[in-house]
Amino acid sequence: MTALDENTAASFEELAARVDELRDRVRHTDQHARELLEETIDAVTAFNRAGLVELVHLLRSDPRGEELLFTAVDRPEVMALLVAHDIVRVDRTMDVLRVVDQLRPHLAAASVELEVVRVEAETVVVSFGTGCSAPAENVRDEIRQVMQSRLSGMQVVEAEPASGQAFVPLGSLRIGPP
C-alpha cells in the first residue's frame, strides 16, 4: 500500500476529526511551540495554496480540464480543500437553488409555486404562490423541513405576504343597485 493509498483509506470525516484533535492538543502546549507550529502551518498552507492555484488555472485553461474541475468540486474533499485555501468561495445561494431545482418536479406535480426571495447568511426566505397555487400550511411546513434537511445549518422562513393583494377589495362588493 502506497502512502497515498494509506492517506485515502481514512474517510474524509476521520481525517477532519484528526485535524481537529491535533489542533486541540496544540492549544495545550507552551506558547513558543504553539507559535512555531502555527508559523509552520502557515508556510505549508501558503506553499500548498500556490500549487492549488496553479493547478486550477491549468485546468481552467483547457475545456477538458475545466469539465474535470467542475466535477471535482462536487466532491466534498476537493471543495473543502479549495475553500480552506480561499480558492473557491462558498455561496449558499447556489446550494439553495440546487435544492429548489431538485424539488421542482414534486412542486409542479402538486401545483405548488415556490420562489426563493433571498438568501441572507444562514436564512433562506421563500414565498409560496397564492390562490390556486397556494399550498396548505402542512404542505408548506413539509417543504420547509425538506429544504432545511438538505441545507444543513440553514433556516428556511416564509416571506411575509404583501398586504392588499386581493383581486377585488371587499369594500367594493355590494348587493343590489349602486
N, C-alpha and C. Protein backbone atom coordinates (compact mmCIF):
# COMPACT_ATOMS: atom_id res chain seq x y z
N MET A 1 0.84 -1.17 0.00
CA MET A 1 0.00 0.00 0.00
C MET A 1 0.89 1.24 0.00
N THR A 2 0.64 2.17 -0.93
CA THR A 2 1.46 3.39 -1.02
C THR A 2 1.01 4.38 0.04
N ALA A 3 1.82 5.43 0.21
CA ALA A 3 1.47 6.47 1.18
C ALA A 3 0.15 7.14 0.77
N LEU A 4 -0.07 7.32 -0.53
CA LEU A 4 -1.31 7.92 -0.99
C LEU A 4 -2.49 7.03 -0.64
N ASP A 5 -2.35 5.72 -0.84
CA ASP A 5 -3.42 4.80 -0.50
C ASP A 5 -3.71 4.80 1.00
N GLU A 6 -2.67 4.88 1.81
CA GLU A 6 -2.86 4.90 3.27
C GLU A 6 -3.63 6.14 3.69
N ASN A 7 -3.30 7.29 3.09
CA ASN A 7 -3.98 8.53 3.47
C ASN A 7 -5.43 8.55 3.01
N THR A 8 -5.73 7.95 1.86
CA THR A 8 -7.10 7.97 1.37
C THR A 8 -7.92 6.84 1.97
N ALA A 9 -7.28 5.91 2.68
CA ALA A 9 -8.03 4.82 3.30
C ALA A 9 -8.94 5.36 4.41
N ALA A 10 -8.48 6.40 5.10
CA ALA A 10 -9.32 7.01 6.13
C ALA A 10 -10.39 7.86 5.44
N SER A 11 -11.55 7.88 6.03
CA SER A 11 -12.63 8.67 5.44
C SER A 11 -12.36 10.15 5.63
N PHE A 12 -13.02 10.95 4.84
CA PHE A 12 -12.89 12.40 4.92
C PHE A 12 -13.23 12.87 6.33
N GLU A 13 -14.29 12.32 6.90
CA GLU A 13 -14.70 12.72 8.25
C GLU A 13 -13.63 12.34 9.28
N GLU A 14 -13.02 11.17 9.12
CA GLU A 14 -11.97 10.75 10.05
C GLU A 14 -10.75 11.66 9.96
N LEU A 15 -10.40 12.05 8.74
CA LEU A 15 -9.26 12.95 8.55
C LEU A 15 -9.55 14.31 9.17
N ALA A 16 -10.76 14.82 8.96
CA ALA A 16 -11.13 16.12 9.53
C ALA A 16 -11.14 16.05 11.06
N ALA A 17 -11.63 14.95 11.61
CA ALA A 17 -11.65 14.78 13.06
C ALA A 17 -10.22 14.75 13.61
N ARG A 18 -9.31 14.12 12.89
CA ARG A 18 -7.91 14.05 13.32
C ARG A 18 -7.29 15.45 13.34
N VAL A 19 -7.57 16.26 12.33
CA VAL A 19 -7.07 17.63 12.29
C VAL A 19 -7.60 18.42 13.49
N ASP A 20 -8.88 18.28 13.77
CA ASP A 20 -9.48 18.98 14.92
C ASP A 20 -8.84 18.52 16.23
N GLU A 21 -8.61 17.22 16.35
CA GLU A 21 -7.98 16.67 17.56
C GLU A 21 -6.58 17.25 17.76
N LEU A 22 -5.80 17.28 16.69
CA LEU A 22 -4.44 17.81 16.80
C LEU A 22 -4.45 19.30 17.11
N ARG A 23 -5.37 20.04 16.52
CA ARG A 23 -5.48 21.47 16.79
C ARG A 23 -5.79 21.70 18.27
N ASP A 24 -6.67 20.88 18.84
CA ASP A 24 -6.99 21.00 20.26
C ASP A 24 -5.78 20.67 21.14
N ARG A 25 -5.03 19.67 20.76
CA ARG A 25 -3.85 19.29 21.54
C ARG A 25 -2.79 20.39 21.52
N VAL A 26 -2.65 21.07 20.38
CA VAL A 26 -1.65 22.14 20.26
C VAL A 26 -2.00 23.30 21.18
N ARG A 27 -3.27 23.54 21.40
CA ARG A 27 -3.68 24.64 22.28
C ARG A 27 -3.15 24.47 23.70
N HIS A 28 -2.81 23.25 24.07
CA HIS A 28 -2.36 22.97 25.44
C HIS A 28 -0.85 22.88 25.55
N THR A 29 -0.12 23.28 24.48
CA THR A 29 1.34 23.26 24.54
C THR A 29 1.83 24.64 24.95
N ASP A 30 3.15 24.75 25.19
CA ASP A 30 3.68 26.05 25.59
C ASP A 30 3.62 27.03 24.43
N GLN A 31 3.65 28.30 24.75
CA GLN A 31 3.46 29.40 23.79
C GLN A 31 4.47 29.34 22.64
N HIS A 32 5.74 29.11 22.92
CA HIS A 32 6.77 29.10 21.89
C HIS A 32 6.53 27.96 20.89
N ALA A 33 6.23 26.79 21.38
CA ALA A 33 5.96 25.65 20.49
C ALA A 33 4.72 25.90 19.65
N ARG A 34 3.70 26.48 20.26
CA ARG A 34 2.46 26.78 19.54
C ARG A 34 2.71 27.79 18.41
N GLU A 35 3.49 28.84 18.70
CA GLU A 35 3.80 29.85 17.68
C GLU A 35 4.62 29.26 16.54
N LEU A 36 5.58 28.42 16.87
CA LEU A 36 6.40 27.77 15.84
C LEU A 36 5.54 26.86 14.96
N LEU A 37 4.66 26.12 15.59
CA LEU A 37 3.78 25.23 14.84
C LEU A 37 2.83 26.04 13.93
N GLU A 38 2.27 27.12 14.46
CA GLU A 38 1.38 27.95 13.65
C GLU A 38 2.11 28.57 12.47
N GLU A 39 3.35 29.01 12.68
CA GLU A 39 4.16 29.56 11.59
C GLU A 39 4.45 28.50 10.54
N THR A 40 4.73 27.29 10.98
CA THR A 40 4.99 26.19 10.06
C THR A 40 3.73 25.87 9.25
N ILE A 41 2.59 25.81 9.91
CA ILE A 41 1.32 25.53 9.22
C ILE A 41 1.02 26.62 8.21
N ASP A 42 1.24 27.89 8.57
CA ASP A 42 1.02 28.99 7.63
C ASP A 42 1.91 28.86 6.40
N ALA A 43 3.17 28.48 6.60
CA ALA A 43 4.10 28.33 5.47
C ALA A 43 3.69 27.16 4.57
N VAL A 44 3.31 26.04 5.17
CA VAL A 44 2.86 24.88 4.39
C VAL A 44 1.56 25.20 3.64
N THR A 45 0.67 25.91 4.30
CA THR A 45 -0.59 26.31 3.67
C THR A 45 -0.33 27.21 2.47
N ALA A 46 0.55 28.20 2.61
CA ALA A 46 0.88 29.10 1.50
C ALA A 46 1.51 28.31 0.35
N PHE A 47 2.37 27.39 0.68
CA PHE A 47 3.01 26.54 -0.34
C PHE A 47 1.96 25.72 -1.08
N ASN A 48 1.06 25.07 -0.33
CA ASN A 48 0.00 24.26 -0.95
C ASN A 48 -0.96 25.12 -1.77
N ARG A 49 -1.29 26.29 -1.26
CA ARG A 49 -2.21 27.19 -1.97
C ARG A 49 -1.63 27.57 -3.33
N ALA A 50 -0.33 27.90 -3.36
CA ALA A 50 0.30 28.28 -4.63
C ALA A 50 0.19 27.14 -5.65
N GLY A 51 0.41 25.92 -5.22
CA GLY A 51 0.29 24.77 -6.12
C GLY A 51 -1.14 24.54 -6.56
N LEU A 52 -2.09 24.69 -5.65
CA LEU A 52 -3.51 24.51 -6.00
C LEU A 52 -4.00 25.58 -6.96
N VAL A 53 -3.58 26.82 -6.75
CA VAL A 53 -3.97 27.91 -7.65
C VAL A 53 -3.44 27.62 -9.05
N GLU A 54 -2.20 27.20 -9.14
CA GLU A 54 -1.62 26.87 -10.45
C GLU A 54 -2.38 25.71 -11.10
N LEU A 55 -2.73 24.71 -10.33
CA LEU A 55 -3.49 23.57 -10.85
C LEU A 55 -4.86 24.01 -11.36
N VAL A 56 -5.55 24.85 -10.61
CA VAL A 56 -6.86 25.34 -11.04
C VAL A 56 -6.74 26.16 -12.32
N HIS A 57 -5.72 27.03 -12.41
CA HIS A 57 -5.51 27.81 -13.63
C HIS A 57 -5.23 26.90 -14.83
N LEU A 58 -4.44 25.90 -14.62
CA LEU A 58 -4.11 24.95 -15.69
C LEU A 58 -5.36 24.20 -16.14
N LEU A 59 -6.16 23.73 -15.20
CA LEU A 59 -7.39 23.01 -15.55
C LEU A 59 -8.39 23.91 -16.26
N ARG A 60 -8.48 25.16 -15.82
CA ARG A 60 -9.45 26.08 -16.44
C ARG A 60 -9.04 26.52 -17.83
N SER A 61 -7.76 26.35 -18.17
CA SER A 61 -7.30 26.79 -19.49
C SER A 61 -7.63 25.79 -20.60
N ASP A 62 -8.11 24.62 -20.24
CA ASP A 62 -8.43 23.58 -21.22
C ASP A 62 -9.88 23.14 -20.98
N PRO A 63 -10.70 23.06 -22.05
CA PRO A 63 -12.11 22.67 -21.85
C PRO A 63 -12.26 21.32 -21.13
N ARG A 64 -11.40 20.37 -21.43
CA ARG A 64 -11.48 19.07 -20.73
C ARG A 64 -11.14 19.23 -19.26
N GLY A 65 -10.12 20.04 -19.00
CA GLY A 65 -9.72 20.28 -17.62
C GLY A 65 -10.76 21.03 -16.83
N GLU A 66 -11.41 22.00 -17.50
CA GLU A 66 -12.45 22.77 -16.83
C GLU A 66 -13.61 21.86 -16.45
N GLU A 67 -13.96 20.94 -17.33
CA GLU A 67 -15.03 19.98 -17.03
C GLU A 67 -14.64 19.10 -15.85
N LEU A 68 -13.40 18.64 -15.82
CA LEU A 68 -12.92 17.84 -14.70
C LEU A 68 -12.92 18.64 -13.40
N LEU A 69 -12.55 19.91 -13.49
CA LEU A 69 -12.53 20.76 -12.30
C LEU A 69 -13.93 20.90 -11.72
N PHE A 70 -14.94 21.13 -12.59
CA PHE A 70 -16.30 21.25 -12.10
C PHE A 70 -16.80 19.94 -11.51
N THR A 71 -16.37 18.83 -12.06
CA THR A 71 -16.72 17.52 -11.50
C THR A 71 -16.04 17.34 -10.14
N ALA A 72 -14.79 17.77 -10.05
CA ALA A 72 -14.01 17.60 -8.81
C ALA A 72 -14.59 18.40 -7.66
N VAL A 73 -15.05 19.63 -7.93
CA VAL A 73 -15.54 20.46 -6.82
C VAL A 73 -16.87 19.96 -6.27
N ASP A 74 -17.50 19.01 -6.95
CA ASP A 74 -18.71 18.39 -6.39
C ASP A 74 -18.36 17.40 -5.30
N ARG A 75 -17.10 17.02 -5.20
CA ARG A 75 -16.66 16.10 -4.14
C ARG A 75 -16.30 16.91 -2.90
N PRO A 76 -16.84 16.53 -1.74
CA PRO A 76 -16.62 17.34 -0.53
C PRO A 76 -15.16 17.52 -0.16
N GLU A 77 -14.33 16.51 -0.40
CA GLU A 77 -12.91 16.61 -0.05
C GLU A 77 -12.23 17.70 -0.87
N VAL A 78 -12.54 17.74 -2.16
CA VAL A 78 -11.93 18.73 -3.05
C VAL A 78 -12.45 20.11 -2.72
N MET A 79 -13.76 20.23 -2.55
CA MET A 79 -14.35 21.53 -2.23
C MET A 79 -13.79 22.07 -0.91
N ALA A 80 -13.68 21.22 0.10
CA ALA A 80 -13.14 21.66 1.39
C ALA A 80 -11.71 22.16 1.25
N LEU A 81 -10.93 21.48 0.44
CA LEU A 81 -9.54 21.88 0.21
C LEU A 81 -9.47 23.25 -0.47
N LEU A 82 -10.28 23.44 -1.49
CA LEU A 82 -10.27 24.71 -2.22
C LEU A 82 -10.84 25.85 -1.38
N VAL A 83 -11.84 25.56 -0.56
CA VAL A 83 -12.40 26.59 0.33
C VAL A 83 -11.39 26.94 1.42
N ALA A 84 -10.75 25.94 1.99
CA ALA A 84 -9.77 26.17 3.06
C ALA A 84 -8.61 27.04 2.59
N HIS A 85 -8.27 26.94 1.31
CA HIS A 85 -7.17 27.74 0.75
C HIS A 85 -7.67 29.01 0.07
N ASP A 86 -8.95 29.34 0.30
CA ASP A 86 -9.58 30.56 -0.23
C ASP A 86 -9.46 30.66 -1.75
N ILE A 87 -9.59 29.52 -2.41
CA ILE A 87 -9.56 29.48 -3.88
C ILE A 87 -10.99 29.50 -4.41
N VAL A 88 -11.89 28.89 -3.67
CA VAL A 88 -13.31 28.89 -4.00
C VAL A 88 -14.05 29.46 -2.81
N ARG A 89 -14.97 30.37 -3.08
CA ARG A 89 -15.78 30.94 -2.02
C ARG A 89 -17.12 30.21 -1.99
N VAL A 90 -17.58 29.93 -0.81
CA VAL A 90 -18.84 29.23 -0.66
C VAL A 90 -19.98 30.23 -0.75
N ASP A 91 -20.88 29.99 -1.66
CA ASP A 91 -22.06 30.83 -1.79
C ASP A 91 -23.26 29.93 -1.56
N ARG A 92 -23.91 30.13 -0.47
CA ARG A 92 -25.03 29.27 -0.11
C ARG A 92 -26.19 29.43 -1.08
N THR A 93 -26.24 30.54 -1.81
CA THR A 93 -27.33 30.75 -2.75
C THR A 93 -27.36 29.63 -3.78
N MET A 94 -26.21 29.23 -4.26
CA MET A 94 -26.15 28.15 -5.25
C MET A 94 -26.67 26.84 -4.65
N ASP A 95 -26.33 26.58 -3.39
CA ASP A 95 -26.84 25.38 -2.73
C ASP A 95 -28.36 25.42 -2.64
N VAL A 96 -28.89 26.59 -2.29
CA VAL A 96 -30.34 26.75 -2.15
C VAL A 96 -31.02 26.52 -3.49
N LEU A 97 -30.50 27.13 -4.53
CA LEU A 97 -31.11 26.99 -5.85
C LEU A 97 -31.02 25.55 -6.36
N ARG A 98 -29.95 24.87 -6.02
CA ARG A 98 -29.80 23.46 -6.41
C ARG A 98 -30.88 22.61 -5.74
N VAL A 99 -31.12 22.84 -4.46
CA VAL A 99 -32.15 22.10 -3.73
C VAL A 99 -33.53 22.40 -4.30
N VAL A 100 -33.80 23.67 -4.57
CA VAL A 100 -35.11 24.04 -5.13
C VAL A 100 -35.29 23.37 -6.50
N ASP A 101 -34.24 23.32 -7.30
CA ASP A 101 -34.34 22.63 -8.60
C ASP A 101 -34.65 21.15 -8.42
N GLN A 102 -34.09 20.55 -7.39
CA GLN A 102 -34.38 19.14 -7.11
C GLN A 102 -35.85 18.95 -6.71
N LEU A 103 -36.42 19.94 -6.05
CA LEU A 103 -37.81 19.86 -5.60
C LEU A 103 -38.82 20.25 -6.67
N ARG A 104 -38.39 20.94 -7.71
CA ARG A 104 -39.31 21.47 -8.73
C ARG A 104 -40.28 20.43 -9.29
N PRO A 105 -39.82 19.23 -9.69
CA PRO A 105 -40.79 18.26 -10.23
C PRO A 105 -41.89 17.90 -9.23
N HIS A 106 -41.53 17.78 -7.95
CA HIS A 106 -42.51 17.45 -6.92
C HIS A 106 -43.47 18.61 -6.69
N LEU A 107 -42.92 19.83 -6.71
CA LEU A 107 -43.75 21.01 -6.53
C LEU A 107 -44.73 21.16 -7.70
N ALA A 108 -44.23 20.95 -8.91
CA ALA A 108 -45.08 21.07 -10.09
C ALA A 108 -46.19 20.02 -10.08
N ALA A 109 -45.84 18.80 -9.67
CA ALA A 109 -46.84 17.74 -9.61
C ALA A 109 -47.95 18.06 -8.61
N ALA A 110 -47.61 18.81 -7.57
CA ALA A 110 -48.59 19.19 -6.56
C ALA A 110 -49.18 20.58 -6.83
N SER A 111 -48.83 21.18 -7.97
CA SER A 111 -49.29 22.53 -8.34
C SER A 111 -48.92 23.57 -7.29
N VAL A 112 -47.72 23.47 -6.76
CA VAL A 112 -47.24 24.41 -5.75
C VAL A 112 -46.19 25.31 -6.39
N GLU A 113 -46.38 26.61 -6.23
CA GLU A 113 -45.39 27.57 -6.69
C GLU A 113 -44.51 27.95 -5.51
N LEU A 114 -43.20 27.96 -5.75
CA LEU A 114 -42.24 28.33 -4.71
C LEU A 114 -41.19 29.23 -5.35
N GLU A 115 -40.88 30.33 -4.67
CA GLU A 115 -39.87 31.25 -5.17
C GLU A 115 -38.89 31.55 -4.03
N VAL A 116 -37.61 31.54 -4.35
CA VAL A 116 -36.60 31.96 -3.38
C VAL A 116 -36.52 33.47 -3.47
N VAL A 117 -36.86 34.14 -2.37
CA VAL A 117 -36.86 35.61 -2.33
C VAL A 117 -35.45 36.12 -2.15
N ARG A 118 -34.73 35.54 -1.17
CA ARG A 118 -33.35 35.94 -0.91
C ARG A 118 -32.69 34.92 0.02
N VAL A 119 -31.36 34.95 0.03
CA VAL A 119 -30.57 34.14 0.94
C VAL A 119 -29.70 35.12 1.72
N GLU A 120 -29.86 35.11 3.04
CA GLU A 120 -29.12 36.02 3.91
C GLU A 120 -28.43 35.19 4.97
N ALA A 121 -27.11 35.17 4.92
CA ALA A 121 -26.32 34.40 5.88
C ALA A 121 -26.84 32.96 5.94
N GLU A 122 -27.43 32.58 7.04
CA GLU A 122 -27.92 31.20 7.20
C GLU A 122 -29.44 31.12 7.11
N THR A 123 -30.06 32.09 6.46
CA THR A 123 -31.52 32.10 6.35
C THR A 123 -31.93 32.16 4.88
N VAL A 124 -32.87 31.30 4.52
CA VAL A 124 -33.45 31.30 3.18
C VAL A 124 -34.88 31.82 3.32
N VAL A 125 -35.20 32.87 2.58
CA VAL A 125 -36.55 33.42 2.61
C VAL A 125 -37.24 32.99 1.32
N VAL A 126 -38.38 32.31 1.47
CA VAL A 126 -39.13 31.82 0.31
C VAL A 126 -40.53 32.39 0.33
N SER A 127 -41.17 32.36 -0.82
CA SER A 127 -42.59 32.72 -0.89
C SER A 127 -43.30 31.65 -1.69
N PHE A 128 -44.51 31.38 -1.29
CA PHE A 128 -45.34 30.40 -1.97
C PHE A 128 -46.36 31.15 -2.82
N GLY A 129 -46.85 30.47 -3.85
CA GLY A 129 -47.87 31.06 -4.70
C GLY A 129 -49.13 31.36 -3.91
N THR A 130 -49.99 32.15 -4.51
CA THR A 130 -51.26 32.50 -3.87
C THR A 130 -52.39 31.91 -4.70
N GLY A 131 -53.56 32.01 -4.19
CA GLY A 131 -54.73 31.49 -4.91
C GLY A 131 -54.66 29.98 -5.06
N CYS A 132 -54.88 29.50 -6.28
CA CYS A 132 -54.90 28.05 -6.53
C CYS A 132 -53.55 27.38 -6.31
N SER A 133 -52.46 28.15 -6.42
CA SER A 133 -51.14 27.56 -6.26
C SER A 133 -50.61 27.71 -4.83
N ALA A 134 -51.46 28.14 -3.92
CA ALA A 134 -51.06 28.27 -2.52
C ALA A 134 -51.22 26.93 -1.81
N PRO A 135 -50.14 26.37 -1.30
CA PRO A 135 -50.26 25.09 -0.61
C PRO A 135 -50.84 25.25 0.79
N ALA A 136 -51.39 24.18 1.31
CA ALA A 136 -51.88 24.16 2.68
C ALA A 136 -50.70 24.35 3.63
N GLU A 137 -50.99 24.79 4.84
CA GLU A 137 -49.93 25.06 5.82
C GLU A 137 -49.08 23.83 6.11
N ASN A 138 -49.70 22.64 6.19
CA ASN A 138 -48.91 21.43 6.46
C ASN A 138 -47.97 21.12 5.30
N VAL A 139 -48.38 21.43 4.06
CA VAL A 139 -47.50 21.22 2.90
C VAL A 139 -46.35 22.23 2.94
N ARG A 140 -46.64 23.47 3.32
CA ARG A 140 -45.59 24.49 3.46
C ARG A 140 -44.56 24.03 4.49
N ASP A 141 -45.05 23.54 5.63
CA ASP A 141 -44.15 23.06 6.68
C ASP A 141 -43.28 21.91 6.17
N GLU A 142 -43.88 21.00 5.44
CA GLU A 142 -43.13 19.86 4.92
C GLU A 142 -42.06 20.32 3.93
N ILE A 143 -42.39 21.25 3.07
CA ILE A 143 -41.41 21.77 2.10
C ILE A 143 -40.26 22.45 2.83
N ARG A 144 -40.57 23.27 3.85
CA ARG A 144 -39.53 23.94 4.62
C ARG A 144 -38.64 22.91 5.33
N GLN A 145 -39.24 21.86 5.88
CA GLN A 145 -38.46 20.83 6.57
C GLN A 145 -37.53 20.09 5.61
N VAL A 146 -38.03 19.77 4.41
CA VAL A 146 -37.19 19.08 3.42
C VAL A 146 -36.02 19.98 3.02
N MET A 147 -36.31 21.25 2.79
CA MET A 147 -35.23 22.17 2.41
C MET A 147 -34.20 22.29 3.52
N GLN A 148 -34.66 22.43 4.77
CA GLN A 148 -33.73 22.55 5.89
C GLN A 148 -32.89 21.29 6.05
N SER A 149 -33.47 20.12 5.81
CA SER A 149 -32.70 18.89 5.94
C SER A 149 -31.62 18.78 4.87
N ARG A 150 -31.88 19.36 3.70
CA ARG A 150 -30.91 19.31 2.60
C ARG A 150 -29.93 20.47 2.64
N LEU A 151 -30.21 21.48 3.43
CA LEU A 151 -29.34 22.66 3.55
C LEU A 151 -28.89 22.77 5.00
N SER A 152 -27.96 21.92 5.39
CA SER A 152 -27.57 21.86 6.80
C SER A 152 -27.13 23.24 7.30
N GLY A 153 -27.62 23.56 8.47
CA GLY A 153 -27.27 24.82 9.12
C GLY A 153 -28.08 26.01 8.66
N MET A 154 -28.99 25.80 7.74
CA MET A 154 -29.78 26.92 7.24
C MET A 154 -31.21 26.83 7.74
N GLN A 155 -31.81 27.98 7.96
CA GLN A 155 -33.19 28.06 8.37
C GLN A 155 -34.00 28.58 7.19
N VAL A 156 -35.12 27.92 6.91
CA VAL A 156 -35.99 28.32 5.81
C VAL A 156 -37.21 29.00 6.41
N VAL A 157 -37.44 30.26 6.02
CA VAL A 157 -38.58 31.01 6.53
C VAL A 157 -39.39 31.52 5.35
N GLU A 158 -40.65 31.77 5.62
CA GLU A 158 -41.54 32.26 4.58
C GLU A 158 -41.61 33.77 4.63
N ALA A 159 -41.57 34.39 3.45
CA ALA A 159 -41.68 35.84 3.37
C ALA A 159 -43.08 36.26 3.80
N GLU A 160 -43.16 37.43 4.41
CA GLU A 160 -44.45 37.97 4.79
C GLU A 160 -45.23 38.30 3.52
N PRO A 161 -46.47 37.86 3.43
CA PRO A 161 -47.23 38.20 2.23
C PRO A 161 -47.50 39.71 2.18
N ALA A 162 -47.46 40.24 0.97
CA ALA A 162 -47.73 41.68 0.81
C ALA A 162 -49.20 41.94 1.09
N SER A 163 -49.48 43.03 1.76
CA SER A 163 -50.88 43.34 2.08
C SER A 163 -51.56 43.95 0.87
N GLY A 164 -52.88 43.81 0.82
CA GLY A 164 -53.65 44.42 -0.25
C GLY A 164 -53.53 43.71 -1.58
N GLN A 165 -53.32 42.42 -1.60
CA GLN A 165 -53.19 41.71 -2.86
C GLN A 165 -54.50 41.06 -3.30
N ALA A 166 -55.60 41.45 -2.70
CA ALA A 166 -56.87 40.86 -3.11
C ALA A 166 -57.22 41.32 -4.51
N PHE A 167 -57.87 40.46 -5.29
CA PHE A 167 -58.26 40.82 -6.64
C PHE A 167 -59.33 41.90 -6.62
N VAL A 168 -60.28 41.76 -5.72
CA VAL A 168 -61.38 42.71 -5.60
C VAL A 168 -61.44 43.13 -4.14
N PRO A 169 -61.34 44.45 -3.88
CA PRO A 169 -61.42 44.88 -2.48
C PRO A 169 -62.79 44.53 -1.91
N LEU A 170 -62.79 44.01 -0.70
CA LEU A 170 -64.04 43.58 -0.08
C LEU A 170 -65.03 44.73 0.06
N GLY A 171 -64.57 45.93 0.29
CA GLY A 171 -65.45 47.09 0.45
C GLY A 171 -66.22 47.44 -0.81
N SER A 172 -65.75 46.95 -1.95
CA SER A 172 -66.43 47.29 -3.21
C SER A 172 -67.57 46.34 -3.53
N LEU A 173 -67.72 45.29 -2.76
CA LEU A 173 -68.80 44.32 -3.00
C LEU A 173 -70.11 44.82 -2.39
N ARG A 174 -71.15 44.87 -3.22
CA ARG A 174 -72.47 45.33 -2.74
C ARG A 174 -73.53 44.41 -3.30
N ILE A 175 -74.63 44.38 -2.64
CA ILE A 175 -75.78 43.64 -3.14
C ILE A 175 -76.80 44.67 -3.57
N GLY A 176 -77.30 44.51 -4.75
CA GLY A 176 -78.33 45.43 -5.25
C GLY A 176 -77.75 46.54 -6.08
N PRO A 177 -78.59 47.50 -6.50
CA PRO A 177 -78.13 48.58 -7.37
C PRO A 177 -77.23 49.53 -6.62
N PRO A 178 -76.33 50.27 -7.32
CA PRO A 178 -75.41 51.19 -6.67
C PRO A 178 -76.06 52.39 -6.03
